[in-house]
PDB file of N, CA and C in Angstrom:
ATOM      1  N   MET A   1      -4.639  -6.783 -10.539  1.00  0.00           N
ATOM      2  CA  MET A   1      -4.103  -6.971  -9.172  1.00  0.00           C
ATOM      3  C   MET A   1      -3.915  -8.638  -9.375  1.00  0.00           C
ATOM      4  N   ARG A   2      -3.144  -9.237  -8.281  1.00  0.00           N
ATOM      5  CA  ARG A   2      -2.769 -10.712  -8.364  1.00  0.00           C
ATOM      6  C   ARG A   2      -3.546 -11.025  -7.082  1.00  0.00           C
ATOM      7  N   TYR A   3      -4.324 -11.892  -7.069  1.00  0.00           N
ATOM      8  CA  TYR A   3      -5.143 -12.415  -6.085  1.00  0.00           C
ATOM      9  C   TYR A   3      -4.139 -13.479  -5.452  1.00  0.00           C
ATOM     10  N   ASP A   4      -3.174 -12.966  -4.737  1.00  0.00           N
ATOM     11  CA  ASP A   4      -1.782 -14.271  -4.224  1.00  0.00           C
ATOM     12  C   ASP A   4      -1.755 -13.849  -2.869  1.00  0.00           C
ATOM     13  N   GLY A   5      -2.541 -12.980  -1.805  1.00  0.00           N
ATOM     14  CA  GLY A   5      -2.276 -12.762  -0.710  1.00  0.00           C
ATOM     15  C   GLY A   5      -2.024 -13.954   0.461  1.00  0.00           C
ATOM     16  N   PRO A   6      -1.465 -13.504   1.714  1.00  0.00           N
ATOM     17  CA  PRO A   6      -1.110 -14.489   2.628  1.00  0.00           C
ATOM     18  C   PRO A   6      -2.545 -14.857   3.322  1.00  0.00           C
ATOM     19  N   ASP A   7      -3.644 -14.025   3.219  1.00  0.00           N
ATOM     20  CA  ASP A   7      -4.793 -14.263   3.990  1.00  0.00           C
ATOM     21  C   ASP A   7      -6.009 -14.884   3.165  1.00  0.00           C
ATOM     22  N   LEU A   8      -5.739 -14.810   1.978  1.00  0.00           N
ATOM     23  CA  LEU A   8      -6.560 -15.318   1.066  1.00  0.00           C
ATOM     24  C   LEU A   8      -7.427 -16.362   1.254  1.00  0.00           C
ATOM     25  N   ALA A   9      -6.723 -17.573   1.738  1.00  0.00           N
ATOM     26  CA  ALA A   9      -7.417 -18.881   2.661  1.00  0.00           C
ATOM     27  C   ALA A   9      -8.121 -18.394   3.598  1.00  0.00           C
ATOM     28  N   GLU A  10      -7.699 -17.591   4.659  1.00  0.00           N
ATOM     29  CA  GLU A  10      -8.851 -17.128   5.612  1.00  0.00           C
ATOM     30  C   GLU A  10     -10.198 -16.419   4.996  1.00  0.00           C
ATOM     31  N   VAL A  11      -9.821 -15.531   4.190  1.00  0.00           N
ATOM     32  CA  VAL A  11     -11.045 -14.732   3.690  1.00  0.00           C
ATOM     33  C   VAL A  11     -11.893 -15.998   3.080  1.00  0.00           C
ATOM     34  N   THR A  12     -11.555 -16.929   2.246  1.00  0.00           N
ATOM     35  CA  THR A  12     -12.459 -17.870   1.640  1.00  0.00           C
ATOM     36  C   THR A  12     -12.943 -18.551   2.682  1.00  0.00           C
ATOM     37  N   ALA A  13     -12.467 -18.804   3.767  1.00  0.00           N
ATOM     38  CA  ALA A  13     -13.041 -19.641   4.713  1.00  0.00           C
ATOM     39  C   ALA A  13     -14.158 -18.937   5.494  1.00  0.00           C
ATOM     40  N   HIS A  14     -13.686 -17.496   5.739  1.00  0.00           N
ATOM     41  CA  HIS A  14     -14.720 -16.584   6.340  1.00  0.00           C
ATOM     42  C   HIS A  14     -15.917 -16.335   5.585  1.00  0.00           C
ATOM     43  N   TRP A  15     -15.870 -16.409   4.202  1.00  0.00           N
ATOM     44  CA  TRP A  15     -16.777 -16.285   3.104  1.00  0.00           C
ATOM     45  C   TRP A  15     -17.629 -17.210   2.780  1.00  0.00           C
ATOM     46  N   GLY A  16     -16.756 -18.523   3.242  1.00  0.00           N
ATOM     47  CA  GLY A  16     -17.473 -19.742   2.727  1.00  0.00           C
ATOM     48  C   GLY A  16     -17.536 -20.039   1.274  1.00  0.00           C
ATOM     49  N   VAL A  17     -16.671 -19.559   0.560  1.00  0.00           N
ATOM     50  CA  VAL A  17     -16.653 -19.801  -0.795  1.00  0.00           C
ATOM     51  C   VAL A  17     -14.917 -20.155  -1.407  1.00  0.00           C
ATOM     52  N   PRO A  18     -14.905 -20.870  -2.544  1.00  0.00           N
ATOM     53  CA  PRO A  18     -13.636 -21.132  -2.985  1.00  0.00           C
ATOM     54  C   PRO A  18     -12.916 -19.903  -3.580  1.00  0.00           C
ATOM     55  N   VAL A  19     -11.743 -19.852  -3.592  1.00  0.00           N
ATOM     56  CA  VAL A  19     -11.080 -18.875  -4.125  1.00  0.00           C
ATOM     57  C   VAL A  19     -11.440 -18.139  -5.195  1.00  0.00           C
ATOM     58  N   SER A  20     -12.003 -19.079  -6.320  1.00  0.00           N
ATOM     59  CA  SER A  20     -12.230 -18.163  -7.489  1.00  0.00           C
ATOM     60  C   SER A  20     -13.620 -17.541  -7.434  1.00  0.00           C
ATOM     61  N   GLU A  21     -14.026 -17.779  -6.541  1.00  0.00           N
ATOM     62  CA  GLU A  21     -15.469 -17.034  -5.997  1.00  0.00           C
ATOM     63  C   GLU A  21     -15.235 -15.446  -5.328  1.00  0.00           C
ATOM     64  N   VAL A  22     -14.068 -15.807  -4.413  1.00  0.00           N
ATOM     65  CA  VAL A  22     -13.599 -14.597  -3.841  1.00  0.00           C
ATOM     66  C   VAL A  22     -12.773 -13.533  -4.704  1.00  0.00           C
ATOM     67  N   VAL A  23     -12.251 -14.239  -5.867  1.00  0.00           N
ATOM     68  CA  VAL A  23     -11.865 -13.407  -7.104  1.00  0.00           C
ATOM     69  C   VAL A  23     -13.013 -12.813  -7.697  1.00  0.00           C
ATOM     70  N   ARG A  24     -13.904 -13.503  -8.123  1.00  0.00           N
ATOM     71  CA  ARG A  24     -15.346 -13.254  -8.928  1.00  0.00           C
ATOM     72  C   ARG A  24     -15.652 -11.841  -8.297  1.00  0.00           C
ATOM     73  N   ILE A  25     -16.125 -12.505  -6.930  1.00  0.00           N
ATOM     74  CA  ILE A  25     -16.798 -10.994  -6.132  1.00  0.00           C
ATOM     75  C   ILE A  25     -16.172 -10.129  -6.115  1.00  0.00           C
ATOM     76  N   HIS A  26     -14.877 -10.174  -5.612  1.00  0.00           N
ATOM     77  CA  HIS A  26     -14.122  -8.887  -5.318  1.00  0.00           C
ATOM     78  C   HIS A  26     -13.778  -8.076  -6.917  1.00  0.00           C
ATOM     79  N   ALA A  27     -13.536  -8.729  -7.930  1.00  0.00           N
ATOM     80  CA  ALA A  27     -13.195  -8.286  -9.197  1.00  0.00           C
ATOM     81  C   ALA A  27     -14.401  -7.477  -9.911  1.00  0.00           C
ATOM     82  N   ASP A  28     -15.622  -8.036  -9.502  1.00  0.00           N
ATOM     83  CA  ASP A  28     -17.082  -7.897 -10.184  1.00  0.00           C
ATOM     84  C   ASP A  28     -17.574  -6.610  -9.425  1.00  0.00           C
ATOM     85  N   THR A  29     -16.903  -5.998  -8.355  1.00  0.00           N
ATOM     86  CA  THR A  29     -17.332  -4.931  -7.497  1.00  0.00           C
ATOM     87  C   THR A  29     -16.631  -4.014  -7.852  1.00  0.00           C
ATOM     88  N   GLU A  30     -17.574  -2.676  -8.045  1.00  0.00           N
ATOM     89  CA  GLU A  30     -17.223  -1.405  -8.202  1.00  0.00           C
ATOM     90  C   GLU A  30     -16.939  -0.473  -6.998  1.00  0.00           C
ATOM     91  N   PHE A  31     -15.830  -0.274  -6.664  1.00  0.00           N
ATOM     92  CA  PHE A  31     -15.475   0.169  -5.306  1.00  0.00           C
ATOM     93  C   PHE A  31     -15.508   1.866  -5.478  1.00  0.00           C
ATOM     94  N   THR A  32     -15.764   2.461  -4.400  1.00  0.00           N
ATOM     95  CA  THR A  32     -15.556   3.925  -4.215  1.00  0.00           C
ATOM     96  C   THR A  32     -14.831   4.311  -3.068  1.00  0.00           C
ATOM     97  N   VAL A  33     -13.979   5.439  -3.290  1.00  0.00           N
ATOM     98  CA  VAL A  33     -13.121   5.694  -2.235  1.00  0.00           C
ATOM     99  C   VAL A  33     -14.271   6.540  -1.139  1.00  0.00           C
ATOM    100  N   ALA A  34     -14.317   6.053   0.027  1.00  0.00           N
ATOM    101  CA  ALA A  34     -14.911   6.944   1.056  1.00  0.00           C
ATOM    102  C   ALA A  34     -14.206   7.962   1.814  1.00  0.00           C
ATOM    103  N   PHE A  35     -13.234   7.723   1.904  1.00  0.00           N
ATOM    104  CA  PHE A  35     -12.250   8.711   2.589  1.00  0.00           C
ATOM    105  C   PHE A  35     -10.834   8.116   2.384  1.00  0.00           C
ATOM    106  N   CYS A  36      -9.850   8.999   2.940  1.00  0.00           N
ATOM    107  CA  CYS A  36      -8.543   8.732   2.812  1.00  0.00           C
ATOM    108  C   CYS A  36      -8.249   9.145   4.192  1.00  0.00           C
ATOM    109  N   GLY A  37      -6.655   8.199   4.252  1.00  0.00           N
ATOM    110  CA  GLY A  37      -6.264   8.476   5.744  1.00  0.00           C
ATOM    111  C   GLY A  37      -5.211   7.353   5.999  1.00  0.00           C
ATOM    112  N   PHE A  38      -4.744   7.021   7.287  1.00  0.00           N
ATOM    113  CA  PHE A  38      -3.815   6.090   7.766  1.00  0.00           C
ATOM    114  C   PHE A  38      -2.338   6.213   6.971  1.00  0.00           C
ATOM    115  N   ALA A  39      -2.268   6.403   5.883  1.00  0.00           N
ATOM    116  CA  ALA A  39      -0.941   7.003   5.403  1.00  0.00           C
ATOM    117  C   ALA A  39      -1.133   7.373   4.118  1.00  0.00           C
ATOM    118  N   PRO A  40      -0.135   8.335   3.542  1.00  0.00           N
ATOM    119  CA  PRO A  40      -0.727   9.219   2.291  1.00  0.00           C
ATOM    120  C   PRO A  40      -0.679   8.335   1.215  1.00  0.00           C
ATOM    121  N   GLY A  41      -1.992   8.197   0.469  1.00  0.00           N
ATOM    122  CA  GLY A  41      -2.141   7.751  -0.711  1.00  0.00           C
ATOM    123  C   GLY A  41      -3.235   6.522  -0.235  1.00  0.00           C
ATOM    124  N   PHE A  42      -3.507   6.283   1.010  1.00  0.00           N
ATOM    125  CA  PHE A  42      -4.406   5.015   1.140  1.00  0.00           C
ATOM    126  C   PHE A  42      -5.827   5.650   1.372  1.00  0.00           C
ATOM    127  N   GLY A  43      -6.458   4.916   0.630  1.00  0.00           N
ATOM    128  CA  GLY A  43      -7.955   5.037   0.390  1.00  0.00           C
ATOM    129  C   GLY A  43      -8.756   3.921   0.882  1.00  0.00           C
ATOM    130  N   TYR A  44      -9.844   4.333   1.516  1.00  0.00           N
ATOM    131  CA  TYR A  44     -10.920   3.343   2.267  1.00  0.00           C
ATOM    132  C   TYR A  44     -11.714   3.227   1.142  1.00  0.00           C
ATOM    133  N   LEU A  45     -11.808   2.032   0.535  1.00  0.00           N
ATOM    134  CA  LEU A  45     -12.965   1.679  -0.540  1.00  0.00           C
ATOM    135  C   LEU A  45     -14.077   0.994   0.045  1.00  0.00           C
ATOM    136  N   THR A  46     -15.132   1.307  -0.266  1.00  0.00           N
ATOM    137  CA  THR A  46     -16.486   0.659  -0.051  1.00  0.00           C
ATOM    138  C   THR A  46     -16.921   0.172  -1.432  1.00  0.00           C
ATOM    139  N   GLY A  47     -18.022  -0.789  -0.953  1.00  0.00           N
ATOM    140  CA  GLY A  47     -18.682  -1.331  -2.155  1.00  0.00           C
ATOM    141  C   GLY A  47     -18.982  -2.943  -2.059  1.00  0.00           C
ATOM    142  N   LEU A  48     -18.231  -3.677  -1.238  1.00  0.00           N
ATOM    143  CA  LEU A  48     -18.569  -4.922  -1.156  1.00  0.00           C
ATOM    144  C   LEU A  48     -19.828  -4.964  -0.216  1.00  0.00           C
ATOM    145  N   PRO A  49     -20.988  -5.857  -0.310  1.00  0.00           N
ATOM    146  CA  PRO A  49     -22.026  -6.016   0.384  1.00  0.00           C
ATOM    147  C   PRO A  49     -21.475  -6.540   1.981  1.00  0.00           C
ATOM    148  N   ALA A  50     -22.303  -5.840   3.017  1.00  0.00           N
ATOM    149  CA  ALA A  50     -21.892  -6.408   4.394  1.00  0.00           C
ATOM    150  C   ALA A  50     -21.753  -7.892   4.640  1.00  0.00           C
ATOM    151  N   ARG A  51     -22.415  -8.820   3.974  1.00  0.00           N
ATOM    152  CA  ARG A  51     -22.239 -10.051   4.175  1.00  0.00           C
ATOM    153  C   ARG A  51     -20.489 -10.336   4.040  1.00  0.00           C
ATOM    154  N   TYR A  52     -19.885  -9.710   3.494  1.00  0.00           N
ATOM    155  CA  TYR A  52     -18.173  -9.883   2.950  1.00  0.00           C
ATOM    156  C   TYR A  52     -17.456  -9.292   4.286  1.00  0.00           C
ATOM    157  N   ASP A  53     -18.025  -8.396   4.930  1.00  0.00           N
ATOM    158  CA  ASP A  53     -16.858  -7.927   5.957  1.00  0.00           C
ATOM    159  C   ASP A  53     -16.198  -8.889   6.304  1.00  0.00           C
ATOM    160  N   VAL A  54     -14.926  -8.732   6.812  1.00  0.00           N
ATOM    161  CA  VAL A  54     -13.846  -9.702   7.295  1.00  0.00           C
ATOM    162  C   VAL A  54     -13.565  -8.900   8.779  1.00  0.00           C
ATOM    163  N   PRO A  55     -12.920  -9.623   9.667  1.00  0.00           N
ATOM    164  CA  PRO A  55     -12.517  -9.086  10.657  1.00  0.00           C
ATOM    165  C   PRO A  55     -10.881  -8.560  10.483  1.00  0.00           C
ATOM    166  N   ARG A  56     -10.252  -7.533  11.246  1.00  0.00           N
ATOM    167  CA  ARG A  56      -9.048  -7.397  11.133  1.00  0.00           C
ATOM    168  C   ARG A  56      -8.014  -8.576  11.927  1.00  0.00           C
ATOM    169  N   ARG A  57      -6.963  -9.027  11.263  1.00  0.00           N
ATOM    170  CA  ARG A  57      -6.300 -10.234  12.227  1.00  0.00           C
ATOM    171  C   ARG A  57      -5.978  -9.611  13.258  1.00  0.00           C
ATOM    172  N   ALA A  58      -5.978 -10.976  14.125  1.00  0.00           N
ATOM    173  CA  ALA A  58      -5.705 -10.768  15.775  1.00  0.00           C
ATOM    174  C   ALA A  58      -4.363 -10.226  15.928  1.00  0.00           C
ATOM    175  N   THR A  59      -3.327 -10.458  15.185  1.00  0.00           N
ATOM    176  CA  THR A  59      -2.256  -9.816  15.399  1.00  0.00           C
ATOM    177  C   THR A  59      -1.723  -9.359  14.133  1.00  0.00           C
ATOM    178  N   PRO A  60      -1.674  -7.940  14.146  1.00  0.00           N
ATOM    179  CA  PRO A  60      -1.142  -7.199  13.211  1.00  0.00           C
ATOM    180  C   PRO A  60       0.431  -7.529  12.602  1.00  0.00           C
ATOM    181  N   ARG A  61       0.520  -7.286  11.158  1.00  0.00           N
ATOM    182  CA  ARG A  61       2.003  -7.569  10.673  1.00  0.00           C
ATOM    183  C   ARG A  61       2.714  -6.391  11.240  1.00  0.00           C
ATOM    184  N   THR A  62       4.005  -6.534  11.279  1.00  0.00           N
ATOM    185  CA  THR A  62       5.095  -5.146  11.533  1.00  0.00           C
ATOM    186  C   THR A  62       5.402  -4.547  10.025  1.00  0.00           C
ATOM    187  N   ALA A  63       5.083  -5.668   8.861  1.00  0.00           N
ATOM    188  CA  ALA A  63       5.376  -4.851   7.792  1.00  0.00           C
ATOM    189  C   ALA A  63       4.742  -5.474   6.831  1.00  0.00           C
ATOM    190  N   VAL A  64       3.904  -4.638   6.106  1.00  0.00           N
ATOM    191  CA  VAL A  64       2.705  -4.855   4.938  1.00  0.00           C
ATOM    192  C   VAL A  64       3.419  -4.412   3.824  1.00  0.00           C
ATOM    193  N   PRO A  65       4.051  -5.200   2.895  1.00  0.00           N
ATOM    194  CA  PRO A  65       4.349  -4.522   1.537  1.00  0.00           C
ATOM    195  C   PRO A  65       3.570  -3.468   0.855  1.00  0.00           C
ATOM    196  N   ALA A  66       4.482  -2.475   0.189  1.00  0.00           N
ATOM    197  CA  ALA A  66       3.564  -1.687  -0.966  1.00  0.00           C
ATOM    198  C   ALA A  66       2.726  -2.429  -1.604  1.00  0.00           C
ATOM    199  N   GLY A  67       1.562  -2.117  -2.261  1.00  0.00           N
ATOM    200  CA  GLY A  67       0.715  -2.677  -2.887  1.00  0.00           C
ATOM    201  C   GLY A  67       0.078  -3.845  -2.851  1.00  0.00           C
ATOM    202  N   ALA A  68       0.250  -3.966  -1.260  1.00  0.00           N
ATOM    203  CA  ALA A  68      -0.739  -5.331  -1.029  1.00  0.00           C
ATOM    204  C   ALA A  68      -2.250  -4.763  -0.871  1.00  0.00           C
ATOM    205  N   VAL A  69      -3.200  -5.538  -1.363  1.00  0.00           N
ATOM    206  CA  VAL A  69      -4.739  -5.172  -1.531  1.00  0.00           C
ATOM    207  C   VAL A  69      -5.294  -5.772  -0.116  1.00  0.00           C
ATOM    208  N   ALA A  70      -5.978  -5.305   0.530  1.00  0.00           N
ATOM    209  CA  ALA A  70      -6.671  -6.000   1.831  1.00  0.00           C
ATOM    210  C   ALA A  70      -7.982  -5.709   2.185  1.00  0.00           C
ATOM    211  N   LEU A  71      -8.442  -6.360   3.011  1.00  0.00           N
ATOM    212  CA  LEU A  71      -9.765  -6.390   3.286  1.00  0.00           C
ATOM    213  C   LEU A  71      -9.638  -5.831   5.036  1.00  0.00           C
ATOM    214  N   ALA A  72     -10.707  -5.513   5.401  1.00  0.00           N
ATOM    215  CA  ALA A  72     -10.661  -5.168   6.954  1.00  0.00           C
ATOM    216  C   ALA A  72     -12.304  -4.597   7.008  1.00  0.00           C
ATOM    217  N   GLY A  73     -13.124  -5.175   7.868  1.00  0.00           N
ATOM    218  CA  GLY A  73     -14.464  -4.655   8.129  1.00  0.00           C
ATOM    219  C   GLY A  73     -15.331  -4.448   6.589  1.00  0.00           C
ATOM    220  N   PRO A  74     -15.951  -3.238   6.432  1.00  0.00           N
ATOM    221  CA  PRO A  74     -16.385  -3.226   5.103  1.00  0.00           C
ATOM    222  C   PRO A  74     -15.316  -2.620   4.108  1.00  0.00           C
ATOM    223  N   TYR A  75     -14.214  -2.468   4.293  1.00  0.00           N
ATOM    224  CA  TYR A  75     -13.268  -1.890   3.514  1.00  0.00           C
ATOM    225  C   TYR A  75     -12.360  -2.903   2.889  1.00  0.00           C
ATOM    226  N   THR A  76     -12.080  -2.367   1.921  1.00  0.00           N
ATOM    227  CA  THR A  76     -10.977  -2.677   0.981  1.00  0.00           C
ATOM    228  C   THR A  76      -9.842  -1.608   0.990  1.00  0.00           C
ATOM    229  N   GLY A  77      -8.593  -1.802   0.850  1.00  0.00           N
ATOM    230  CA  GLY A  77      -7.639  -0.759   0.800  1.00  0.00           C
ATOM    231  C   GLY A  77      -6.342  -1.355   0.112  1.00  0.00           C
ATOM    232  N   VAL A  78      -5.423  -0.431  -0.494  1.00  0.00           N
ATOM    233  CA  VAL A  78      -4.253  -1.161  -0.880  1.00  0.00           C
ATOM    234  C   VAL A  78      -2.974  -0.105  -0.081  1.00  0.00           C
ATOM    235  N   TYR A  79      -2.281  -0.956   0.367  1.00  0.00           N
ATOM    236  CA  TYR A  79      -1.225  -0.248   1.053  1.00  0.00           C
ATOM    237  C   TYR A  79      -0.199   0.688   0.095  1.00  0.00           C
ATOM    238  N   PRO A  80      -0.228   1.760   0.439  1.00  0.00           N
ATOM    239  CA  PRO A  80       0.802   2.796  -0.739  1.00  0.00           C
ATOM    240  C   PRO A  80       2.156   2.582  -0.568  1.00  0.00           C
ATOM    241  N   ARG A  81       2.758   2.017   0.646  1.00  0.00           N
ATOM    242  CA  ARG A  81       4.061   2.023   0.964  1.00  0.00           C
ATOM    243  C   ARG A  81       4.152   0.873   2.199  1.00  0.00           C
ATOM    244  N   SER A  82       5.336   0.313   2.478  1.00  0.00           N
ATOM    245  CA  SER A  82       5.520  -0.546   3.238  1.00  0.00           C
ATOM    246  C   SER A  82       5.308  -0.248   4.679  1.00  0.00           C
ATOM    247  N   SER A  83       4.185  -0.739   5.552  1.00  0.00           N
ATOM    248  CA  SER A  83       3.903  -0.088   6.893  1.00  0.00           C
ATOM    249  C   SER A  83       3.420  -1.070   7.751  1.00  0.00           C
ATOM    250  N   PRO A  84       3.194  -1.008   8.953  1.00  0.00           N
ATOM    251  CA  PRO A  84       2.477  -2.112   9.849  1.00  0.00           C
ATOM    252  C   PRO A  84       0.915  -2.369   9.292  1.00  0.00           C
ATOM    253  N   GLY A  85       0.468  -3.088   9.501  1.00  0.00           N
ATOM    254  CA  GLY A  85      -0.965  -3.398   9.328  1.00  0.00           C
ATOM    255  C   GLY A  85      -1.625  -4.455   9.596  1.00  0.00           C
ATOM    256  N   GLY A  86      -3.014  -4.462   9.803  1.00  0.00           N
ATOM    257  CA  GLY A  86      -3.607  -5.660  10.623  1.00  0.00           C
ATOM    258  C   GLY A  86      -4.590  -5.819   9.641  1.00  0.00           C
ATOM    259  N   TRP A  87      -4.732  -5.752   8.343  1.00  0.00           N
ATOM    260  CA  TRP A  87      -5.716  -6.067   7.475  1.00  0.00           C
ATOM    261  C   TRP A  87      -5.633  -7.253   6.974  1.00  0.00           C
ATOM    262  N   GLN A  88      -6.737  -7.986   6.481  1.00  0.00           N
ATOM    263  CA  GLN A  88      -6.565  -9.457   5.675  1.00  0.00           C
ATOM    264  C   GLN A  88      -6.095  -8.991   4.004  1.00  0.00           C
ATOM    265  N   LEU A  89      -4.585  -9.527   3.733  1.00  0.00           N
ATOM    266  CA  LEU A  89      -4.473  -9.441   2.463  1.00  0.00           C
ATOM    267  C   LEU A  89      -4.467 -10.518   1.549  1.00  0.00           C
ATOM    268  N   ILE A  90      -4.919 -10.111   0.613  1.00  0.00           N
ATOM    269  CA  ILE A  90      -5.857 -11.013  -0.442  1.00  0.00           C
ATOM    270  C   ILE A  90      -5.059 -10.963  -1.646  1.00  0.00           C
ATOM    271  N   GLY A  91      -4.109  -9.686  -1.977  1.00  0.00           N
ATOM    272  CA  GLY A  91      -3.505  -9.710  -3.183  1.00  0.00           C
ATOM    273  C   GLY A  91      -2.672  -8.810  -3.364  1.00  0.00           C
ATOM    274  N   THR A  92      -2.000  -8.595  -4.651  1.00  0.00           N
ATOM    275  CA  THR A  92      -1.092  -7.227  -4.525  1.00  0.00           C
ATOM    276  C   THR A  92      -1.545  -6.664  -6.181  1.00  0.00           C
ATOM    277  N   THR A  93      -0.917  -5.489  -6.038  1.00  0.00           N
ATOM    278  CA  THR A  93      -1.083  -4.512  -7.476  1.00  0.00           C
ATOM    279  C   THR A  93       0.421  -3.580  -7.544  1.00  0.00           C
ATOM    280  N   GLU A  94       0.552  -3.130  -8.840  1.00  0.00           N
ATOM    281  CA  GLU A  94       1.650  -2.711  -8.985  1.00  0.00           C
ATOM    282  C   GLU A  94       1.371  -1.058  -9.041  1.00  0.00           C
ATOM    283  N   ALA A  95       0.115  -0.774  -9.134  1.00  0.00           N
ATOM    284  CA  ALA A  95      -0.426   0.517  -9.144  1.00  0.00           C
ATOM    285  C   ALA A  95       0.564   1.252  -8.031  1.00  0.00           C
ATOM    286  N   VAL A  96       0.953   2.516  -8.491  1.00  0.00           N
ATOM    287  CA  VAL A  96       1.728   3.450  -7.428  1.00  0.00           C
ATOM    288  C   VAL A  96       0.478   4.202  -7.047  1.00  0.00           C
ATOM    289  N   LEU A  97       0.210   4.561  -5.727  1.00  0.00           N
ATOM    290  CA  LEU A  97      -0.442   5.109  -5.367  1.00  0.00           C
ATOM    291  C   LEU A  97      -0.393   6.345  -4.744  1.00  0.00           C
ATOM    292  N   TRP A  98       1.003   6.276  -4.193  1.00  0.00           N
ATOM    293  CA  TRP A  98       1.477   7.621  -3.695  1.00  0.00           C
ATOM    294  C   TRP A  98       2.842   8.150  -4.697  1.00  0.00           C
ATOM    295  N   ASP A  99       2.734   9.300  -5.082  1.00  0.00           N
ATOM    296  CA  ASP A  99       4.222   9.691  -5.842  1.00  0.00           C
ATOM    297  C   ASP A  99       4.124  10.919  -5.555  1.00  0.00           C
ATOM    298  N   HIS A 100       5.312  11.363  -4.981  1.00  0.00           N
ATOM    299  CA  HIS A 100       5.262  12.978  -4.356  1.00  0.00           C
ATOM    300  C   HIS A 100       5.775  13.814  -5.837  1.00  0.00           C
ATOM    301  N   THR A 101       6.086  13.354  -6.794  1.00  0.00           N
ATOM    302  CA  THR A 101       6.622  13.556  -8.033  1.00  0.00           C
ATOM    303  C   THR A 101       5.208  14.018  -8.738  1.00  0.00           C
ATOM    304  N   ARG A 102       4.109  13.483  -8.768  1.00  0.00           N
ATOM    305  CA  ARG A 102       3.057  13.368  -9.456  1.00  0.00           C
ATOM    306  C   ARG A 102       2.150  14.380  -9.039  1.00  0.00           C
ATOM    307  N   VAL A 103       1.271  14.991  -9.727  1.00  0.00           N
ATOM    308  CA  VAL A 103       0.470  16.144  -9.481  1.00  0.00           C
ATOM    309  C   VAL A 103      -0.977  15.509  -9.999  1.00  0.00           C
ATOM    310  N   PRO A 104      -2.092  15.107  -8.975  1.00  0.00           N
ATOM    311  CA  PRO A 104      -2.048  15.136  -7.323  1.00  0.00           C
ATOM    312  C   PRO A 104      -1.135  13.860  -7.178  1.00  0.00           C
ATOM    313  N   ALA A 105      -0.433  14.307  -5.978  1.00  0.00           N
ATOM    314  CA  ALA A 105       0.541  12.994  -5.508  1.00  0.00           C
ATOM    315  C   ALA A 105      -0.386  11.750  -5.307  1.00  0.00           C
ATOM    316  N   ALA A 106      -1.710  11.934  -4.973  1.00  0.00           N
ATOM    317  CA  ALA A 106      -2.212  10.423  -4.635  1.00  0.00           C
ATOM    318  C   ALA A 106      -3.135  10.012  -5.704  1.00  0.00           C
ATOM    319  N   LEU A 107      -3.272   8.875  -6.266  1.00  0.00           N
ATOM    320  CA  LEU A 107      -3.975   8.186  -7.121  1.00  0.00           C
ATOM    321  C   LEU A 107      -5.161   8.300  -6.680  1.00  0.00           C
ATOM    322  N   LEU A 108      -5.700   8.112  -5.410  1.00  0.00           N
ATOM    323  CA  LEU A 108      -7.049   7.924  -5.042  1.00  0.00           C
ATOM    324  C   LEU A 108      -7.405   9.145  -4.263  1.00  0.00           C
ATOM    325  N   SER A 109      -9.042   9.674  -4.581  1.00  0.00           N
ATOM    326  CA  SER A 109      -9.360  10.682  -3.534  1.00  0.00           C
ATOM    327  C   SER A 109     -10.841  10.133  -3.494  1.00  0.00           C
ATOM    328  N   PRO A 110     -11.421  10.906  -2.439  1.00  0.00           N
ATOM    329  CA  PRO A 110     -12.752  10.564  -2.155  1.00  0.00           C
ATOM    330  C   PRO A 110     -13.563  10.913  -3.301  1.00  0.00           C
ATOM    331  N   GLY A 111     -14.459   9.827  -3.792  1.00  0.00           N
ATOM    332  CA  GLY A 111     -15.343   9.685  -4.927  1.00  0.00           C
ATOM    333  C   GLY A 111     -14.703   8.598  -5.873  1.00  0.00           C
ATOM    334  N   THR A 112     -13.412   8.536  -5.973  1.00  0.00           N
ATOM    335  CA  THR A 112     -12.838   7.977  -7.230  1.00  0.00           C
ATOM    336  C   THR A 112     -13.534   6.592  -7.294  1.00  0.00           C
ATOM    337  N   ARG A 113     -13.965   5.972  -8.342  1.00  0.00           N
ATOM    338  CA  ARG A 113     -14.392   4.843  -8.640  1.00  0.00           C
ATOM    339  C   ARG A 113     -13.312   3.993  -8.933  1.00  0.00           C
ATOM    340  N   VAL A 114     -13.319   2.847  -8.336  1.00  0.00           N
ATOM    341  CA  VAL A 114     -12.136   1.863  -8.341  1.00  0.00           C
ATOM    342  C   VAL A 114     -12.518   0.376  -8.656  1.00  0.00           C
ATOM    343  N   ARG A 115     -11.766  -0.315  -9.898  1.00  0.00           N
ATOM    344  CA  ARG A 115     -12.315  -1.622 -10.092  1.00  0.00           C
ATOM    345  C   ARG A 115     -10.803  -2.436 -10.098  1.00  0.00           C
ATOM    346  N   PHE A 116     -10.804  -3.492  -9.659  1.00  0.00           N
ATOM    347  CA  PHE A 116      -9.749  -4.612  -9.389  1.00  0.00           C
ATOM    348  C   PHE A 116      -9.715  -5.298 -10.681  1.00  0.00           C
ATOM    349  N   THR A 117      -8.747  -5.520 -11.538  1.00  0.00           N
ATOM    350  CA  THR A 117      -8.673  -6.469 -12.716  1.00  0.00           C
ATOM    351  C   THR A 117      -7.859  -7.748 -12.514  1.00  0.00           C
ATOM    352  N   PRO A 118      -8.421  -9.019 -12.510  1.00  0.00           N
ATOM    353  CA  PRO A 118      -7.150  -9.960 -11.905  1.00  0.00           C
ATOM    354  C   PRO A 118      -6.704 -10.256 -13.082  1.00  0.00           C
ATOM    355  N   VAL A 119      -4.968 -10.335 -12.872  1.00  0.00           N
ATOM    356  CA  VAL A 119      -4.256 -10.809 -13.810  1.00  0.00           C
ATOM    357  C   VAL A 119      -3.325 -11.751 -13.060  1.00  0.00           C
ATOM    358  N   GLU A 120      -2.650 -12.734 -13.912  1.00  0.00           N
ATOM    359  CA  GLU A 120      -1.597 -13.591 -13.630  1.00  0.00           C
ATOM    360  C   GLU A 120      -0.347 -13.338 -14.436  1.00  0.00           C
ATOM    361  N   ASP A 121       0.660 -14.290 -13.485  1.00  0.00           N
ATOM    362  CA  ASP A 121       1.952 -14.037 -14.126  1.00  0.00           C
ATOM    363  C   ASP A 121       2.119 -14.679 -15.203  1.00  0.00           C
ATOM    364  N   ALA A 122       2.807 -14.289 -16.450  1.00  0.00           N
ATOM    365  CA  ALA A 122       3.077 -14.705 -17.449  1.00  0.00           C
ATOM    366  C   ALA A 122       3.954 -15.632 -17.393  1.00  0.00           C
TER     367      ALA A 122
END
């Protein structure tokens, strides 16, 4: 994923660490899909220690792009398609989380382990 989200500065301020440390903490965490919901393909990933919980945005966005990686409360999630959302956006991924032509259609299911690997534009 690219750690290029519009709310990255807010998360760094909330955590009290620089961007490089947010990237390290997030990328070093092995997440587990606790449950799925909100939209087809959206997994609620757990794994960050409680001290890294972040509040939802005071004002939700009317459109969050597909592939946006976000934090809210104790969860990390990836928006599988464009939709409204109130989570803190910290980055983007090109992973396709929901594809009705794939079997299974959802990339994530409860119990799936997930790691985020930082990438940079070439």
